[in-house]
Amino acid sequence: MPSPPILGVETSRKSVKIVVLKQESDSSASLLNYFIIPIGKDEGYSSQDFVSKVTNLLKALQLSHNIEVKFVASGSKIDSKRISLPSMPVSDIAQALRWEAKDHFLFNVDESVLDFEVLERRYNRKLWIEGLTV
């Protein structure tokens, strides 16, 4: 059974780039389609015109509901780091990440939005997380 296509989305201050990829059996990927949707100077992600452009494009692609989506946000105010923390309950990670991030990011962490994903959990060792700040 063929794997569903992959939808790649990259956002930046000036545009949204969308690619549709097909995963091949040898783990390579084939580009099926790509689009660049510019964002006007007076337009933003929340403007109705921009939302309509993206919505209409995605409807026109007629992608299946089980599509895998990869999303990347880029820009000068976004940074991503891999940080190692001691093993701890997930509920404590956000506070520990904020404390540890002060040594890893070049901007004010207290004024940033932090998010994380646990990449690997090793009990009695380290907890590897991917931290994202916006």
C-alpha atoms as a PDB file:
ATOM      1  CA  MET A   1       0.000   0.000   0.000  1.00  0.00           C
ATOM      2  CA  PRO A   2       1.513   3.388  -0.948  1.00  0.00           C
ATOM      3  CA  SER A   3       2.182   5.820   1.860  1.00  0.00           C
ATOM      4  CA  PRO A   4       0.118   9.015   1.940  1.00  0.00           C
ATOM      5  CA  PRO A   5       1.761  12.187   0.650  1.00  0.00           C
ATOM      6  CA  ILE A   6       3.573  14.549   2.988  1.00  0.00           C
ATOM      7  CA  LEU A   7       2.537  18.192   3.172  1.00  0.00           C
ATOM      8  CA  GLY A   8       5.411  20.493   4.106  1.00  0.00           C
ATOM      9  CA  VAL A   9       4.631  24.017   5.296  1.00  0.00           C
ATOM     10  CA  GLU A  10       7.199  26.719   6.074  1.00  0.00           C
ATOM     11  CA  THR A  11       6.123  30.089   7.395  1.00  0.00           C
ATOM     12  CA  SER A  12       8.113  33.286   7.428  1.00  0.00           C
ATOM     13  CA  ARG A  13       7.394  36.978   7.686  1.00  0.00           C
ATOM     14  CA  LYS A  14       7.123  37.369   3.899  1.00  0.00           C
ATOM     15  CA  SER A  15       5.548  34.134   2.656  1.00  0.00           C
ATOM     16  CA  VAL A  16       4.219  30.656   3.231  1.00  0.00           C
ATOM     17  CA  LYS A  17       5.853  27.884   1.241  1.00  0.00           C
ATOM     18  CA  ILE A  18       3.930  24.658   0.714  1.00  0.00           C
ATOM     19  CA  VAL A  19       5.300  21.445  -0.793  1.00  0.00           C
ATOM     20  CA  VAL A  20       3.635  18.124  -1.452  1.00  0.00           C
ATOM     21  CA  LEU A  21       6.018  15.159  -1.351  1.00  0.00           C
ATOM     22  CA  LYS A  22       5.666  11.457  -2.035  1.00  0.00           C
ATOM     23  CA  GLN A  23       7.694   9.132   0.191  1.00  0.00           C
ATOM     24  CA  GLU A  24       9.399   6.502  -1.966  1.00  0.00           C
ATOM     25  CA  SER A  25      10.089   2.932  -0.858  1.00  0.00           C
ATOM     26  CA  ASP A  26      13.832   3.642  -0.606  1.00  0.00           C
ATOM     27  CA  SER A  27      13.140   6.471   1.925  1.00  0.00           C
ATOM     28  CA  SER A  28      13.776   9.175  -0.668  1.00  0.00           C
ATOM     29  CA  ALA A  29      11.063  11.669  -1.548  1.00  0.00           C
ATOM     30  CA  SER A  30       9.675  12.975  -4.832  1.00  0.00           C
ATOM     31  CA  LEU A  31       8.362  16.507  -5.177  1.00  0.00           C
ATOM     32  CA  LEU A  32       4.761  16.367  -6.419  1.00  0.00           C
ATOM     33  CA  ASN A  33       3.957  20.072  -6.200  1.00  0.00           C
ATOM     34  CA  TYR A  34       5.057  23.310  -4.555  1.00  0.00           C
ATOM     35  CA  PHE A  35       3.558  26.754  -3.938  1.00  0.00           C
ATOM     36  CA  ILE A  36       4.744  30.064  -2.533  1.00  0.00           C
ATOM     37  CA  ILE A  37       2.067  32.367  -1.151  1.00  0.00           C
ATOM     38  CA  PRO A  38       3.456  35.866  -0.589  1.00  0.00           C
ATOM     39  CA  ILE A  39       2.316  37.938   2.366  1.00  0.00           C
ATOM     40  CA  GLY A  40       1.824  41.602   1.484  1.00  0.00           C
ATOM     41  CA  LYS A  41       3.363  44.379   3.595  1.00  0.00           C
ATOM     42  CA  ASP A  42      -0.045  45.380   4.983  1.00  0.00           C
ATOM     43  CA  GLU A  43      -1.255  41.792   5.126  1.00  0.00           C
ATOM     44  CA  GLY A  44      -0.657  39.260   7.866  1.00  0.00           C
ATOM     45  CA  TYR A  45      -1.459  35.664   8.667  1.00  0.00           C
ATOM     46  CA  SER A  46      -4.789  36.683  10.151  1.00  0.00           C
ATOM     47  CA  SER A  47      -5.973  38.800   7.189  1.00  0.00           C
ATOM     48  CA  GLN A  48      -9.026  37.384   5.447  1.00  0.00           C
ATOM     49  CA  ASP A  49      -7.380  37.627   2.016  1.00  0.00           C
ATOM     50  CA  PHE A  50      -4.384  35.555   3.114  1.00  0.00           C
ATOM     51  CA  VAL A  51      -6.543  32.966   4.913  1.00  0.00           C
ATOM     52  CA  SER A  52      -8.679  32.624   1.777  1.00  0.00           C
ATOM     53  CA  LYS A  53      -5.592  32.060  -0.419  1.00  0.00           C
ATOM     54  CA  VAL A  54      -4.292  29.251   1.794  1.00  0.00           C
ATOM     55  CA  THR A  55      -7.733  27.674   2.295  1.00  0.00           C
ATOM     56  CA  ASN A  56      -8.490  27.673  -1.435  1.00  0.00           C
ATOM     57  CA  LEU A  57      -5.083  26.217  -2.279  1.00  0.00           C
ATOM     58  CA  LEU A  58      -5.450  23.365   0.218  1.00  0.00           C
ATOM     59  CA  LYS A  59      -8.980  22.600  -1.034  1.00  0.00           C
ATOM     60  CA  ALA A  60      -7.747  22.572  -4.649  1.00  0.00           C
ATOM     61  CA  LEU A  61      -5.029  20.040  -3.760  1.00  0.00           C
ATOM     62  CA  GLN A  62      -7.728  17.566  -2.600  1.00  0.00           C
ATOM     63  CA  LEU A  63      -5.361  15.893  -0.167  1.00  0.00           C
ATOM     64  CA  SER A  64      -6.463  12.852   1.809  1.00  0.00           C
ATOM     65  CA  HIS A  65      -7.334  13.230   5.478  1.00  0.00           C
ATOM     66  CA  ASN A  66      -4.515  10.930   6.581  1.00  0.00           C
ATOM     67  CA  ILE A  67      -1.777  13.142   5.129  1.00  0.00           C
ATOM     68  CA  GLU A  68       1.346  13.710   7.220  1.00  0.00           C
ATOM     69  CA  VAL A  69       2.089  17.395   7.817  1.00  0.00           C
ATOM     70  CA  LYS A  70       5.546  18.829   8.560  1.00  0.00           C
ATOM     71  CA  PHE A  71       5.506  22.427   9.742  1.00  0.00           C
ATOM     72  CA  VAL A  72       8.450  24.825  10.055  1.00  0.00           C
ATOM     73  CA  ALA A  73       8.337  28.384  11.347  1.00  0.00           C
ATOM     74  CA  SER A  74      11.278  30.584  10.421  1.00  0.00           C
ATOM     75  CA  GLY A  75      12.369  34.131  11.024  1.00  0.00           C
ATOM     76  CA  SER A  76      14.736  36.268  13.027  1.00  0.00           C
ATOM     77  CA  LYS A  77      12.599  35.969  16.164  1.00  0.00           C
ATOM     78  CA  ILE A  78      12.465  32.170  16.140  1.00  0.00           C
ATOM     79  CA  ASP A  79      15.194  29.897  17.440  1.00  0.00           C
ATOM     80  CA  SER A  80      15.375  26.172  18.030  1.00  0.00           C
ATOM     81  CA  LYS A  81      17.835  24.351  20.283  1.00  0.00           C
ATOM     82  CA  ARG A  82      18.366  20.869  21.595  1.00  0.00           C
ATOM     83  CA  ILE A  83      18.668  20.996  25.375  1.00  0.00           C
ATOM     84  CA  SER A  84      19.432  18.174  27.781  1.00  0.00           C
ATOM     85  CA  LEU A  85      17.575  18.097  31.106  1.00  0.00           C
ATOM     86  CA  PRO A  86      17.643  15.589  33.941  1.00  0.00           C
ATOM     87  CA  SER A  87      14.792  13.089  33.873  1.00  0.00           C
ATOM     88  CA  MET A  88      11.652  14.693  35.361  1.00  0.00           C
ATOM     89  CA  PRO A  89       7.864  14.611  35.127  1.00  0.00           C
ATOM     90  CA  VAL A  90       6.530  16.195  31.931  1.00  0.00           C
ATOM     91  CA  SER A  91       4.595  18.721  34.038  1.00  0.00           C
ATOM     92  CA  ASP A  92       7.907  20.163  35.295  1.00  0.00           C
ATOM     93  CA  ILE A  93       9.618  20.463  31.906  1.00  0.00           C
ATOM     94  CA  ALA A  94       8.183  23.872  30.897  1.00  0.00           C
ATOM     95  CA  GLN A  95       9.571  25.583  34.013  1.00  0.00           C
ATOM     96  CA  ALA A  96      12.918  23.776  33.763  1.00  0.00           C
ATOM     97  CA  LEU A  97      13.167  24.630  30.066  1.00  0.00           C
ATOM     98  CA  ARG A  98      12.617  28.326  30.764  1.00  0.00           C
ATOM     99  CA  TRP A  99      15.381  28.273  33.382  1.00  0.00           C
ATOM    100  CA  GLU A 100      17.824  26.304  31.202  1.00  0.00           C
ATOM    101  CA  ALA A 101      17.013  28.291  28.033  1.00  0.00           C
ATOM    102  CA  LYS A 102      18.533  31.467  29.495  1.00  0.00           C
ATOM    103  CA  ASP A 103      21.967  29.943  28.783  1.00  0.00           C
ATOM    104  CA  HIS A 104      21.078  28.849  25.222  1.00  0.00           C
ATOM    105  CA  PHE A 105      19.129  31.667  23.550  1.00  0.00           C
ATOM    106  CA  LEU A 106      20.483  35.102  22.686  1.00  0.00           C
ATOM    107  CA  PHE A 107      17.275  37.001  23.445  1.00  0.00           C
ATOM    108  CA  ASN A 108      15.195  37.605  26.546  1.00  0.00           C
ATOM    109  CA  VAL A 109      13.616  34.269  27.463  1.00  0.00           C
ATOM    110  CA  ASP A 110      11.254  35.931  29.958  1.00  0.00           C
ATOM    111  CA  GLU A 111       9.585  37.802  27.075  1.00  0.00           C
ATOM    112  CA  SER A 112       9.390  34.733  24.822  1.00  0.00           C
ATOM    113  CA  VAL A 113       6.917  31.953  24.212  1.00  0.00           C
ATOM    114  CA  LEU A 114       8.597  28.589  24.766  1.00  0.00           C
ATOM    115  CA  ASP A 115       7.390  25.233  23.520  1.00  0.00           C
ATOM    116  CA  PHE A 116       9.068  21.833  23.612  1.00  0.00           C
ATOM    117  CA  GLU A 117       8.936  18.296  22.348  1.00  0.00           C
ATOM    118  CA  VAL A 118      10.505  15.356  24.158  1.00  0.00           C
ATOM    119  CA  LEU A 119      12.903  13.766  21.658  1.00  0.00           C
ATOM    120  CA  GLU A 120      14.243  10.941  23.759  1.00  0.00           C
ATOM    121  CA  ARG A 121      13.682   9.800  27.322  1.00  0.00           C
ATOM    122  CA  ARG A 122      16.361   7.892  29.174  1.00  0.00           C
ATOM    123  CA  TYR A 123      15.354   7.023  32.699  1.00  0.00           C
ATOM    124  CA  ASN A 124      17.975   7.760  35.353  1.00  0.00           C
ATOM    125  CA  ARG A 125      19.922   9.729  32.754  1.00  0.00           C
ATOM    126  CA  LYS A 126      19.001  12.707  30.649  1.00  0.00           C
ATOM    127  CA  LEU A 127      15.847  13.983  28.996  1.00  0.00           C
ATOM    128  CA  TRP A 128      16.507  15.350  25.478  1.00  0.00           C
ATOM    129  CA  ILE A 129      14.072  17.978  24.305  1.00  0.00           C
ATOM    130  CA  GLU A 130      13.750  20.252  21.327  1.00  0.00           C
ATOM    131  CA  GLY A 131      12.982  23.756  22.528  1.00  0.00           C
ATOM    132  CA  LEU A 132      11.366  26.375  20.328  1.00  0.00           C
ATOM    133  CA  THR A 133      11.027  29.998  21.206  1.00  0.00           C
ATOM    134  CA  VAL A 134       9.010  32.643  19.405  1.00  0.00           C
END
